Protein backbone atom coordinates (compact mmCIF):
# COMPACT_ATOMS: atom_id res chain seq x y z
CA UNK A 1 -0.09 0.00 0.01
CA UNK A 2 1.39 3.40 -1.07
CA UNK A 3 1.50 5.89 1.70
CA UNK A 4 0.13 9.29 1.36
CA UNK A 5 3.48 10.75 2.27
CA UNK A 6 5.17 8.89 -0.51
CA UNK A 7 2.55 10.21 -3.06
CA UNK A 8 3.23 13.75 -1.80
CA UNK A 9 6.99 13.34 -2.04
CA UNK A 10 6.50 12.01 -5.73
CA UNK A 11 4.24 14.87 -6.60
CA UNK A 12 6.79 17.28 -5.16
CA UNK A 13 9.67 15.73 -7.05
CA UNK A 14 7.56 15.88 -10.25
CA UNK A 15 6.69 19.54 -9.67
CA UNK A 16 10.34 20.34 -8.91
CA UNK A 17 11.38 18.60 -12.22
CA UNK A 18 8.85 20.52 -14.12
CA UNK A 19 10.04 23.66 -12.47
CA UNK A 20 13.63 23.00 -13.34
CA UNK A 21 12.61 22.26 -16.96
CA UNK A 22 10.63 25.47 -17.24
CA UNK A 23 13.64 27.32 -15.85
CA UNK A 24 15.95 25.64 -18.42
CA UNK A 25 13.54 26.45 -21.24
CA UNK A 26 13.30 29.97 -20.19
CA UNK A 27 17.17 30.28 -20.22
CA UNK A 28 17.38 28.72 -23.70
CA UNK A 29 14.66 31.04 -24.94
CA UNK A 30 16.58 33.99 -23.46
CA UNK A 31 19.62 33.21 -25.63
CA UNK A 32 17.60 32.25 -28.71
CA UNK A 33 15.65 35.58 -28.37
CA UNK A 34 18.87 37.69 -27.99
CA UNK A 35 20.23 36.13 -31.08
CA UNK A 36 17.11 36.84 -33.03
CA UNK A 37 17.18 40.42 -31.73
CA UNK A 38 20.53 40.95 -33.31
CA UNK A 39 19.56 39.30 -36.55
CA UNK A 40 16.16 41.01 -37.02
CA UNK A 41 16.72 44.35 -35.29
CA UNK A 42 14.84 45.98 -32.37
CA UNK A 43 11.73 46.79 -34.18
CA UNK A 44 10.74 43.34 -35.54
CA UNK A 45 11.98 41.64 -32.46
CA UNK A 46 9.89 43.79 -30.09
CA UNK A 47 6.71 43.50 -32.26
CA UNK A 48 6.70 39.77 -33.15
CA UNK A 49 9.34 37.82 -31.13
CA UNK A 50 9.21 39.43 -27.67
CA UNK A 51 5.37 38.65 -27.23
CA UNK A 52 6.10 34.83 -27.58
CA UNK A 53 5.31 32.68 -24.45
CA UNK A 54 6.93 29.26 -24.00
CA UNK A 55 4.75 26.09 -23.66
CA UNK A 56 5.96 22.62 -22.82
CA UNK A 57 7.84 20.10 -24.86
CA UNK A 58 6.03 16.97 -25.72
CA UNK A 59 8.57 14.28 -24.97
CA UNK A 60 6.98 11.72 -27.21
CA UNK A 61 6.77 13.89 -30.47
CA UNK A 62 9.48 16.31 -29.53
CA UNK A 63 7.11 19.25 -30.23
CA UNK A 64 7.74 22.60 -28.40
CA UNK A 65 4.63 24.84 -28.21
CA UNK A 66 5.06 28.60 -28.63
CA UNK A 67 2.13 30.85 -28.02
CA UNK A 68 1.10 34.32 -29.22
CA UNK A 69 -1.81 36.45 -28.04
CA UNK A 70 -3.87 36.54 -31.20
CA UNK A 71 -4.40 34.45 -34.49
CA UNK A 72 -3.19 37.45 -36.45
CA UNK A 73 0.21 37.57 -34.65
CA UNK A 74 0.49 33.70 -34.57
CA UNK A 75 0.01 33.45 -38.23
CA UNK A 76 2.45 36.34 -38.81
CA UNK A 77 5.20 34.84 -36.89
CA UNK A 78 4.46 31.33 -38.27
CA UNK A 79 4.73 32.70 -41.94
CA UNK A 80 7.88 34.68 -41.39
CA UNK A 81 9.93 33.12 -38.60
CA UNK A 82 8.80 29.45 -38.14
CA UNK A 83 11.86 27.89 -39.89
CA UNK A 84 14.36 30.29 -38.09
CA UNK A 85 12.71 29.48 -34.74
CA UNK A 86 12.62 25.76 -35.45
CA UNK A 87 16.25 25.67 -36.42
CA UNK A 88 17.40 27.67 -33.42
CA UNK A 89 15.51 25.47 -30.95
CA UNK A 90 16.97 22.33 -32.58
CA UNK A 91 20.40 23.70 -32.14
CA UNK A 92 19.73 24.60 -28.42
CA UNK A 93 17.96 21.40 -27.57
CA UNK A 94 18.40 18.10 -29.34
CA UNK A 95 15.01 16.66 -28.09
CA UNK A 96 13.18 19.45 -29.98
CA UNK A 97 12.17 18.12 -33.40
CA UNK A 98 9.25 20.46 -34.14
CA UNK A 99 8.02 23.89 -33.14
CA UNK A 100 4.35 24.44 -33.04
CA UNK A 101 3.24 28.15 -33.12
CA UNK A 102 -0.36 28.87 -32.22
CA UNK A 103 -2.68 31.25 -30.24
CA UNK A 104 -2.27 31.17 -26.54
CA UNK A 105 -5.08 29.03 -24.89
CA UNK A 106 -7.87 31.20 -23.64
CA UNK A 107 -6.71 34.30 -25.61
CA UNK A 108 -9.10 35.99 -27.95
CA UNK A 109 -8.74 34.93 -31.52
CA UNK A 110 -9.32 37.41 -34.36
CA UNK A 111 -10.94 34.89 -36.71
CA UNK A 112 -12.95 37.47 -38.74
CA UNK A 113 -10.02 39.95 -39.35
CA UNK A 114 -9.73 39.82 -43.11
CA UNK A 115 -6.15 40.93 -43.37
CA UNK A 116 -5.63 38.69 -46.43
CA UNK A 117 -8.46 37.90 -48.85
CA UNK A 118 -7.24 34.27 -49.20
CA UNK A 119 -5.93 33.82 -45.57
CA UNK A 120 -2.26 33.95 -46.75
CA UNK A 121 0.52 36.74 -47.02
CA UNK A 122 -0.36 38.85 -50.11
CA UNK A 123 3.12 40.50 -50.38
CA UNK A 124 5.74 40.35 -53.10
CA UNK A 125 7.93 38.04 -50.80
CA UNK A 126 7.41 35.48 -48.20
CA UNK A 127 9.62 33.73 -45.53
CA UNK A 128 8.60 30.18 -45.86
CA UNK A 129 11.90 28.33 -45.75
CA UNK A 130 11.31 24.72 -45.98
CA UNK A 131 8.93 23.20 -48.66
CA UNK A 132 9.01 20.17 -50.96
CA UNK A 133 6.43 19.01 -53.23
CA UNK A 134 5.83 16.77 -56.11
CA UNK A 135 3.06 15.09 -57.96
CA UNK A 136 4.31 11.75 -56.86
CA UNK A 137 5.86 12.60 -53.42
CA UNK A 138 2.97 13.84 -51.37
CA UNK A 139 2.90 11.94 -48.07
CA UNK A 140 6.61 11.09 -48.09
CA UNK A 141 8.47 11.60 -44.82
CA UNK A 142 11.92 13.09 -44.21
CA UNK A 143 13.65 15.19 -46.72
CA UNK A 144 10.91 15.15 -49.24
CA UNK A 145 8.05 15.67 -46.85
CA UNK A 146 5.54 18.12 -48.23
CA UNK A 147 3.92 21.16 -46.52
CA UNK A 148 2.87 22.48 -49.96
CA UNK A 149 3.70 25.71 -51.78
CA UNK A 150 1.84 29.01 -50.72
CA UNK A 151 -1.06 29.16 -53.13
CA UNK A 152 -1.21 32.94 -52.82
CA UNK A 153 2.37 33.42 -54.13
CA UNK A 154 1.71 33.03 -57.82
CA UNK A 155 2.89 35.04 -60.94
CA UNK A 156 -0.67 36.52 -61.11
CA UNK A 157 -0.15 37.98 -57.66
CA UNK A 158 3.28 39.38 -58.37
CA UNK A 159 3.14 43.13 -59.05
CA UNK A 160 5.78 44.19 -61.69
CA UNK A 161 7.59 47.33 -62.48
CA UNK A 162 11.02 48.40 -63.91
CA UNK A 163 12.74 47.18 -60.71
CA UNK A 164 11.73 43.53 -61.03
CA UNK A 165 10.62 42.88 -64.59
CA UNK A 166 13.79 41.02 -65.73
CA UNK A 167 13.59 38.64 -62.77
CA UNK A 168 9.82 38.06 -63.34
CA UNK A 169 10.32 37.36 -66.99
CA UNK A 170 13.30 35.00 -66.24
CA UNK A 171 11.14 33.13 -63.59
CA UNK A 172 8.28 32.69 -66.01
CA UNK A 173 10.65 31.23 -68.69
CA UNK A 174 12.27 28.96 -66.09
CA UNK A 175 8.72 27.32 -65.40
CA UNK A 176 7.58 27.17 -68.99
CA UNK A 177 6.99 23.91 -70.82
CA UNK A 178 9.89 24.55 -73.25
CA UNK A 179 13.46 24.06 -71.96
CA UNK A 180 14.90 27.32 -70.63
CA UNK A 181 17.92 28.98 -72.36
CA UNK A 182 19.66 29.26 -68.97
CA UNK A 183 20.02 27.19 -65.80
CA UNK A 184 20.56 27.90 -63.03
CA UNK A 185 18.70 30.94 -62.48
CA UNK A 186 20.02 33.09 -59.71
CA UNK A 187 17.65 35.70 -58.19
CA UNK A 188 19.44 38.48 -56.40
CA UNK A 189 17.72 41.08 -54.30
CA UNK A 190 17.45 42.63 -50.88
CA UNK A 191 15.27 41.23 -48.17
CA UNK A 192 11.51 41.63 -48.78
CA UNK A 193 11.78 42.54 -52.62
CA UNK A 194 10.08 39.39 -54.01
CA UNK A 195 12.69 36.65 -54.37
CA UNK A 196 10.76 33.99 -52.38
CA UNK A 197 7.46 34.93 -54.05
CA UNK A 198 9.05 34.26 -57.42
CA UNK A 199 10.43 30.81 -56.19
CA UNK A 200 6.85 29.77 -55.08
CA UNK A 201 5.45 31.06 -58.45
CA UNK A 202 7.99 28.96 -60.38
CA UNK A 203 7.02 25.94 -58.41
CA UNK A 204 3.29 26.38 -59.00
CA UNK A 205 3.60 27.01 -62.77
CA UNK A 206 6.16 24.24 -63.26
CA UNK A 207 3.78 21.81 -61.64
CA UNK A 208 0.98 22.72 -63.97
CA UNK A 209 3.08 22.43 -67.02
CA UNK A 210 4.92 19.36 -65.82
CA UNK A 211 2.23 17.34 -63.92
CA UNK A 212 4.40 14.35 -63.07
CA UNK A 213 7.39 16.23 -61.95
CA UNK A 214 9.04 16.33 -58.62
CA UNK A 215 10.15 19.71 -57.13
CA UNK A 216 12.00 20.57 -54.00
CA UNK A 217 11.96 23.93 -52.29
CA UNK A 218 13.99 24.75 -49.18
CA UNK A 219 16.18 27.40 -47.54
CA UNK A 220 20.01 27.05 -47.45
CA UNK A 221 19.64 26.73 -43.51
CA UNK A 222 17.16 23.82 -44.09
CA UNK A 223 19.51 22.16 -46.55
CA UNK A 224 22.16 22.32 -43.83
CA UNK A 225 19.91 20.72 -41.26
CA UNK A 226 19.03 17.87 -43.52
CA UNK A 227 22.59 17.40 -44.45
CA UNK A 228 23.81 17.19 -41.02
CA UNK A 229 21.07 14.93 -39.82
CA UNK A 230 21.62 12.53 -42.76
CA UNK A 231 25.42 12.65 -41.89
CA UNK A 232 24.77 11.78 -38.27
CA UNK A 233 22.36 8.96 -39.17
CA UNK A 234 24.58 7.45 -41.85
CA UNK A 235 21.85 7.98 -44.53
CA UNK A 236 24.04 10.10 -46.93
CA UNK A 237 23.29 7.80 -49.81
CA UNK A 238 19.53 8.11 -49.37
CA UNK A 239 20.01 11.95 -48.90
CA UNK A 240 21.93 12.18 -52.16
CA UNK A 241 19.44 9.88 -54.04
CA UNK A 242 16.52 11.82 -53.03
CA UNK A 243 17.93 15.19 -53.70
CA UNK A 244 19.05 14.23 -57.24
CA UNK A 245 15.69 12.81 -58.08
CA UNK A 246 13.87 16.13 -58.33
CA UNK A 247 13.22 17.81 -61.64
CA UNK A 248 13.25 21.31 -60.16
CA UNK A 249 15.45 22.57 -57.28
CA UNK A 250 14.58 25.71 -55.60
CA UNK A 251 17.01 26.89 -52.93
CA UNK A 252 16.24 30.17 -50.99
CA UNK A 253 18.80 32.35 -49.01
CA UNK A 254 21.83 30.54 -50.49
CA UNK A 255 24.04 33.04 -48.67
CA UNK A 256 23.42 31.05 -45.50
CA UNK A 257 25.52 28.11 -46.88
CA UNK A 258 28.65 30.16 -46.40
CA UNK A 259 31.62 28.44 -44.82
CA UNK A 260 30.03 24.98 -44.69
CA UNK A 261 32.65 23.05 -46.80
CA UNK A 262 30.98 19.59 -46.77
CA UNK A 263 27.55 21.00 -47.58
CA UNK A 264 29.05 23.19 -50.27
CA UNK A 265 30.61 20.07 -51.93
CA UNK A 266 27.42 18.18 -51.84
CA UNK A 267 25.38 21.00 -53.35
CA UNK A 268 28.15 21.37 -56.03
CA UNK A 269 27.80 17.69 -57.05
CA UNK A 270 24.12 17.93 -56.96
CA UNK A 271 24.00 21.00 -59.21
CA UNK A 272 26.36 19.06 -61.69
CA UNK A 273 24.18 15.92 -61.51
CA UNK A 274 20.93 17.75 -62.25
CA UNK A 275 22.30 20.02 -64.95
CA UNK A 276 23.86 16.99 -66.72
CA UNK A 277 20.29 15.45 -66.78
CA UNK A 278 18.78 18.62 -68.06
CA UNK A 279 16.96 19.41 -64.82
CA UNK A 280 16.18 23.04 -63.54
CA UNK A 281 17.75 24.93 -60.74
CA UNK A 282 16.92 28.20 -59.04
CA UNK A 283 18.73 29.96 -56.33
CA UNK A 284 17.98 33.11 -54.46
CA UNK A 285 20.10 35.29 -52.32
CA UNK A 286 20.49 38.84 -50.91
CA UNK A 287 23.75 39.36 -52.72
CA UNK A 288 25.41 38.37 -56.05
CA UNK A 289 27.23 35.16 -56.44
CA UNK A 290 30.75 36.92 -56.43
CA UNK A 291 29.80 38.67 -53.09
CA UNK A 292 29.26 35.35 -51.32
CA UNK A 293 32.25 35.16 -48.84
CA UNK A 294 33.50 31.78 -47.86
CA UNK A 295 32.07 30.00 -50.77
CA UNK A 296 34.62 27.85 -52.87
CA UNK A 297 35.26 29.07 -56.34
CA UNK A 298 33.89 25.97 -58.04
CA UNK A 299 30.55 26.56 -56.32
CA UNK A 300 30.48 30.27 -57.26
CA UNK A 301 31.14 29.29 -60.82
CA UNK A 302 28.05 27.01 -60.88
CA UNK A 303 25.84 29.60 -59.32
CA UNK A 304 26.76 32.26 -61.78
CA UNK A 305 26.99 30.27 -64.96
CA UNK A 306 23.30 30.63 -66.00
CA UNK A 307 21.42 33.98 -65.56
CA UNK A 308 21.78 36.34 -62.54
CA UNK A 309 18.67 38.33 -62.42
CA UNK A 310 18.68 41.36 -60.20
CA UNK A 311 15.67 42.60 -58.24
CA UNK A 312 16.25 46.42 -57.53
CA UNK A 313 14.29 48.06 -54.71
CA UNK A 314 10.79 49.04 -55.70
CA UNK A 315 10.51 52.58 -56.80
CA UNK A 316 7.66 54.68 -55.59
CA UNK A 317 5.44 53.90 -58.62
CA UNK A 318 5.82 50.27 -58.03
CA UNK A 319 5.24 50.64 -54.26
CA UNK A 320 1.81 52.34 -54.99
CA UNK A 321 0.92 49.59 -57.48
CA UNK A 322 1.59 46.93 -54.79
CA UNK A 323 -0.42 48.78 -52.27
CA UNK A 324 -3.46 49.14 -54.67
CA UNK A 325 -3.13 45.42 -55.43
CA UNK A 326 -3.19 44.30 -51.89
CA UNK A 327 -5.96 46.86 -51.05
CA UNK A 328 -8.20 44.94 -53.43
CA UNK A 329 -8.16 42.08 -50.97
CA UNK A 330 -9.83 44.23 -48.29
CA UNK A 331 -12.96 45.22 -50.28
CA UNK A 332 -15.21 46.90 -49.50
CA UNK A 333 -12.87 48.70 -46.93
CA UNK A 334 -11.45 51.78 -48.52
CA UNK A 335 -8.10 53.56 -47.75
CA UNK A 336 -7.69 57.20 -48.87
CA UNK A 337 -5.38 57.85 -51.58
CA UNK A 338 -3.27 60.22 -49.58
CA UNK A 339 -2.78 57.47 -47.01
CA UNK A 340 -1.52 55.16 -49.75
CA UNK A 341 0.65 57.96 -51.13
CA UNK A 342 2.08 58.53 -47.74
CA UNK A 343 2.86 54.78 -47.05
CA UNK A 344 4.54 54.34 -50.54
CA UNK A 345 6.62 57.48 -50.07
CA UNK A 346 7.72 56.72 -46.57
CA UNK A 347 8.21 52.95 -46.26
CA UNK A 348 10.93 52.46 -48.84
CA UNK A 349 13.10 49.77 -47.47
CA UNK A 350 11.31 46.59 -48.74
CA UNK A 351 7.99 45.54 -50.00
CA UNK A 352 7.32 43.24 -47.02
CA UNK A 353 7.56 46.19 -44.60
CA UNK A 354 5.32 48.30 -46.98
CA UNK A 355 2.57 45.57 -47.05
CA UNK A 356 3.05 44.94 -43.45
CA UNK A 357 2.38 48.56 -42.51
CA UNK A 358 -0.77 48.47 -44.53
CA UNK A 359 -1.80 45.33 -42.80
CA UNK A 360 -1.11 46.74 -39.48
CA UNK A 361 -2.93 49.90 -40.12
CA UNK A 362 -6.17 48.17 -41.50
CA UNK A 363 -6.05 45.74 -38.51
CA UNK A 364 -5.91 48.52 -35.99
CA UNK A 365 -8.72 50.33 -37.74
CA UNK A 366 -10.94 47.19 -37.93
CA UNK A 367 -10.18 46.36 -34.26
CA UNK A 368 -10.98 49.74 -32.87
CA UNK A 369 -13.72 50.77 -35.34
CA UNK A 370 -11.76 53.88 -36.52
CA UNK A 371 -11.61 55.06 -40.01
CA UNK A 372 -8.22 54.79 -41.90
CA UNK A 373 -6.55 58.14 -42.20
CA UNK A 374 -3.31 59.94 -42.50
CA UNK A 375 -3.39 60.87 -38.90
CA UNK A 376 -4.03 57.27 -37.79
CA UNK A 377 -1.16 56.04 -40.06
CA UNK A 378 1.26 58.55 -38.58
CA UNK A 379 0.20 57.50 -35.06
CA UNK A 380 0.20 53.70 -35.34
CA UNK A 381 3.08 53.22 -37.70
CA UNK A 382 5.63 55.17 -35.78
CA UNK A 383 8.36 52.39 -35.57
CA UNK A 384 8.05 51.35 -39.20
CA UNK A 385 8.01 54.88 -40.58
CA UNK A 386 11.04 56.05 -38.40
CA UNK A 387 13.02 53.08 -39.42
CA UNK A 388 12.35 54.00 -43.10
CA UNK A 389 12.85 57.73 -42.97
CA UNK A 390 16.03 58.89 -44.58
CA UNK A 391 16.63 62.56 -43.73
CA UNK A 392 16.62 64.52 -46.94
CA UNK A 393 17.77 68.06 -46.40
CA UNK A 394 16.74 71.17 -48.22
CA UNK A 395 20.33 71.71 -49.18
CA UNK A 396 20.28 68.33 -50.93
CA UNK A 397 16.89 69.13 -52.74
CA UNK A 398 18.26 72.46 -53.98
CA UNK A 399 21.53 70.77 -55.22
CA UNK A 400 19.49 68.07 -56.98
CA UNK A 401 17.08 70.41 -58.55
CA UNK A 402 19.88 72.74 -59.81
CA UNK A 403 21.80 69.87 -61.47
CA UNK A 404 18.44 68.65 -63.09
CA UNK A 405 17.57 72.08 -64.53
CA UNK A 406 21.14 73.01 -65.07
CA UNK A 407 21.11 76.27 -63.22
CA UNK A 408 23.52 77.76 -60.91
CA UNK A 409 22.99 76.90 -57.02
CA UNK A 410 22.92 80.67 -56.12
CA UNK A 411 19.59 80.95 -58.20
CA UNK A 412 17.64 79.18 -55.22
CA UNK A 413 18.23 82.31 -53.19
CA UNK A 414 18.43 85.06 -55.90
CA UNK A 415 15.79 87.62 -56.70
CA UNK A 416 15.68 86.97 -60.36
CA UNK A 417 12.12 86.54 -61.81
CA UNK A 418 13.07 84.77 -65.12
CA UNK A 419 10.97 81.77 -65.73
CA UNK A 420 13.88 79.52 -66.29
CA UNK A 421 14.92 80.26 -62.70
CA UNK A 422 11.53 80.78 -61.01
CA UNK A 423 10.11 77.33 -62.02
CA UNK A 424 12.99 75.25 -60.72
CA UNK A 425 13.02 77.44 -57.58
CA UNK A 426 9.29 76.55 -56.97
CA UNK A 427 9.90 72.97 -57.66
CA UNK A 428 12.45 72.86 -54.93
CA UNK A 429 10.15 74.58 -52.58
CA UNK A 430 7.32 71.97 -53.39
CA UNK A 431 9.79 69.10 -52.91
CA UNK A 432 11.09 70.67 -49.65
CA UNK A 433 7.60 70.62 -48.28
CA UNK A 434 6.87 66.97 -49.53
CA UNK A 435 10.13 65.48 -48.41
CA UNK A 436 11.05 67.33 -45.26
CA UNK A 437 9.25 68.17 -42.00
CA UNK A 438 10.13 71.75 -42.26
CA UNK A 439 7.47 74.49 -41.96
CA UNK A 440 6.54 77.02 -44.61
CA UNK A 441 8.52 79.78 -42.90
CA UNK A 442 11.61 77.55 -42.45
CA UNK A 443 11.52 76.72 -46.11
CA UNK A 444 11.21 80.24 -46.99
CA UNK A 445 14.31 81.27 -45.01
CA UNK A 446 16.32 78.66 -46.94
CA UNK A 447 15.29 80.23 -50.25
CA UNK A 448 16.77 83.73 -49.68
CA UNK A 449 14.55 84.68 -46.71
CA UNK A 450 11.40 84.57 -48.77
CA UNK A 451 7.89 84.83 -47.03
CA UNK A 452 5.98 81.81 -46.12
CA UNK A 453 3.20 82.84 -48.40
CA UNK A 454 5.56 82.60 -51.33
CA UNK A 455 6.26 79.00 -50.47
CA UNK A 456 2.65 78.20 -50.05
CA UNK A 457 2.04 79.62 -53.53
CA UNK A 458 4.95 77.63 -55.03
CA UNK A 459 3.59 74.31 -53.50
CA UNK A 460 0.13 74.75 -54.64
CA UNK A 461 1.22 75.86 -58.07
CA UNK A 462 3.31 72.75 -58.72
CA UNK A 463 0.53 70.54 -57.24
CA UNK A 464 -1.68 72.05 -59.97
CA UNK A 465 0.87 71.81 -62.73
CA UNK A 466 1.51 68.13 -61.99
CA UNK A 467 -2.14 67.44 -62.58
CA UNK A 468 -2.41 69.34 -65.95
CA UNK A 469 1.11 69.21 -67.38
CA UNK A 470 2.59 65.74 -68.13
CA UNK A 471 6.14 67.23 -68.59
CA UNK A 472 5.99 68.90 -64.97
CA UNK A 473 4.77 65.67 -63.49
CA UNK A 474 7.47 63.58 -65.16
CA UNK A 475 10.14 66.12 -63.90
CA UNK A 476 8.91 65.93 -60.36
CA UNK A 477 8.67 62.14 -60.55
CA UNK A 478 12.26 61.99 -61.78
CA UNK A 479 13.44 64.26 -59.04
CA UNK A 480 11.67 62.27 -56.47
CA UNK A 481 13.32 59.06 -57.59
CA UNK A 482 16.77 60.67 -57.48
CA UNK A 483 16.16 61.99 -53.85
CA UNK A 484 14.60 58.91 -52.58
CA UNK A 485 17.18 56.41 -53.99
């Protein structure tokens, strides 16, 4: 017969073990969180990583639960950071095999918040880092297990402009029925400009045109994890055989394979094997192949032997097109044109932040019942806006305008009334009001001590001319591109 004292001691021991486990988990999370803060920056970390609460590890499945307060935040973190969180936990604790991100039990879920018309990220980029799919591989386990490609990341949903049209056309050619003229395709662009979106779009279209094909999509980090696991489990032959059985290989964030000699060698052999069989390969990175430090020359040669398609940062016209495209998902909700103009002009670093700002603004408006306005945008997007603002000075504006119109810098402050001088001066005043936080009197003082009413007149005049005169509008657009680049 078990004594009550023994049961109490066992319960206490169990509770002590659970407490110790919780403390150890918290310590590991503190280290992981600190590392993510360095990688992501203070803004993203504070908004999305810091609110995460730890659950428990299921010892049988090796699943660690991570909780967030709302469905919106859970989906956001799952979309963007799931693979990175999973990799970090696997490195910190060998018993963690999977990370589950969900809404904290008992917290309010925002199920009816229509941030995306189809429930998925509607941006020109994504952060999914491990996907494999093939018509005859669904249901496999291990290296070729499928979580599917993101249905929202198609060519039809990709908004094009001068900055990304080359990469877009090359991606379409890579997924077409006829054999492409180049392979591999290397997509180069900064974070959040559309590389991952194009990788998913290639996968979707390739499966439609090659119905019995096998494709594999992963991040370089995931490739490393699978490589190391296969090495430890003495399953390298199976790893190689599976990897080389694919018809289309899509590898994202190839810059993260830097310095891993054995993995680089395996990737090199895989590229050679697939190319020799006429298979297709697409890589994406935030820098050109020649800028990949720590990568052996033979691999650099393979990565750059096809076509390197550069995705430039989106200019203001493309940013406005993207916002209008995403806004159609929120119908019948309307966002004033001046708000869209403000977002496009202010959030310039990458497309993901731009669409994220729109999502956040609309989410706040829906949750609080407020109308979307310029004031609301300025109040609620403070962190995003401050991180994106590059301080453009009136001196810089005057110098750029004078170079554009080929007049002397002194004319910005002179009293001359010749049309060839007055119009550039008015354009410079207009740009000073649009691109700087300076008041009318402050701007007037920078233009030879002119009265604030003169500046107001110049701003209104140029606004009116932009609507009526295509040449003037073109001049202003060109100057804006120069000053914001």
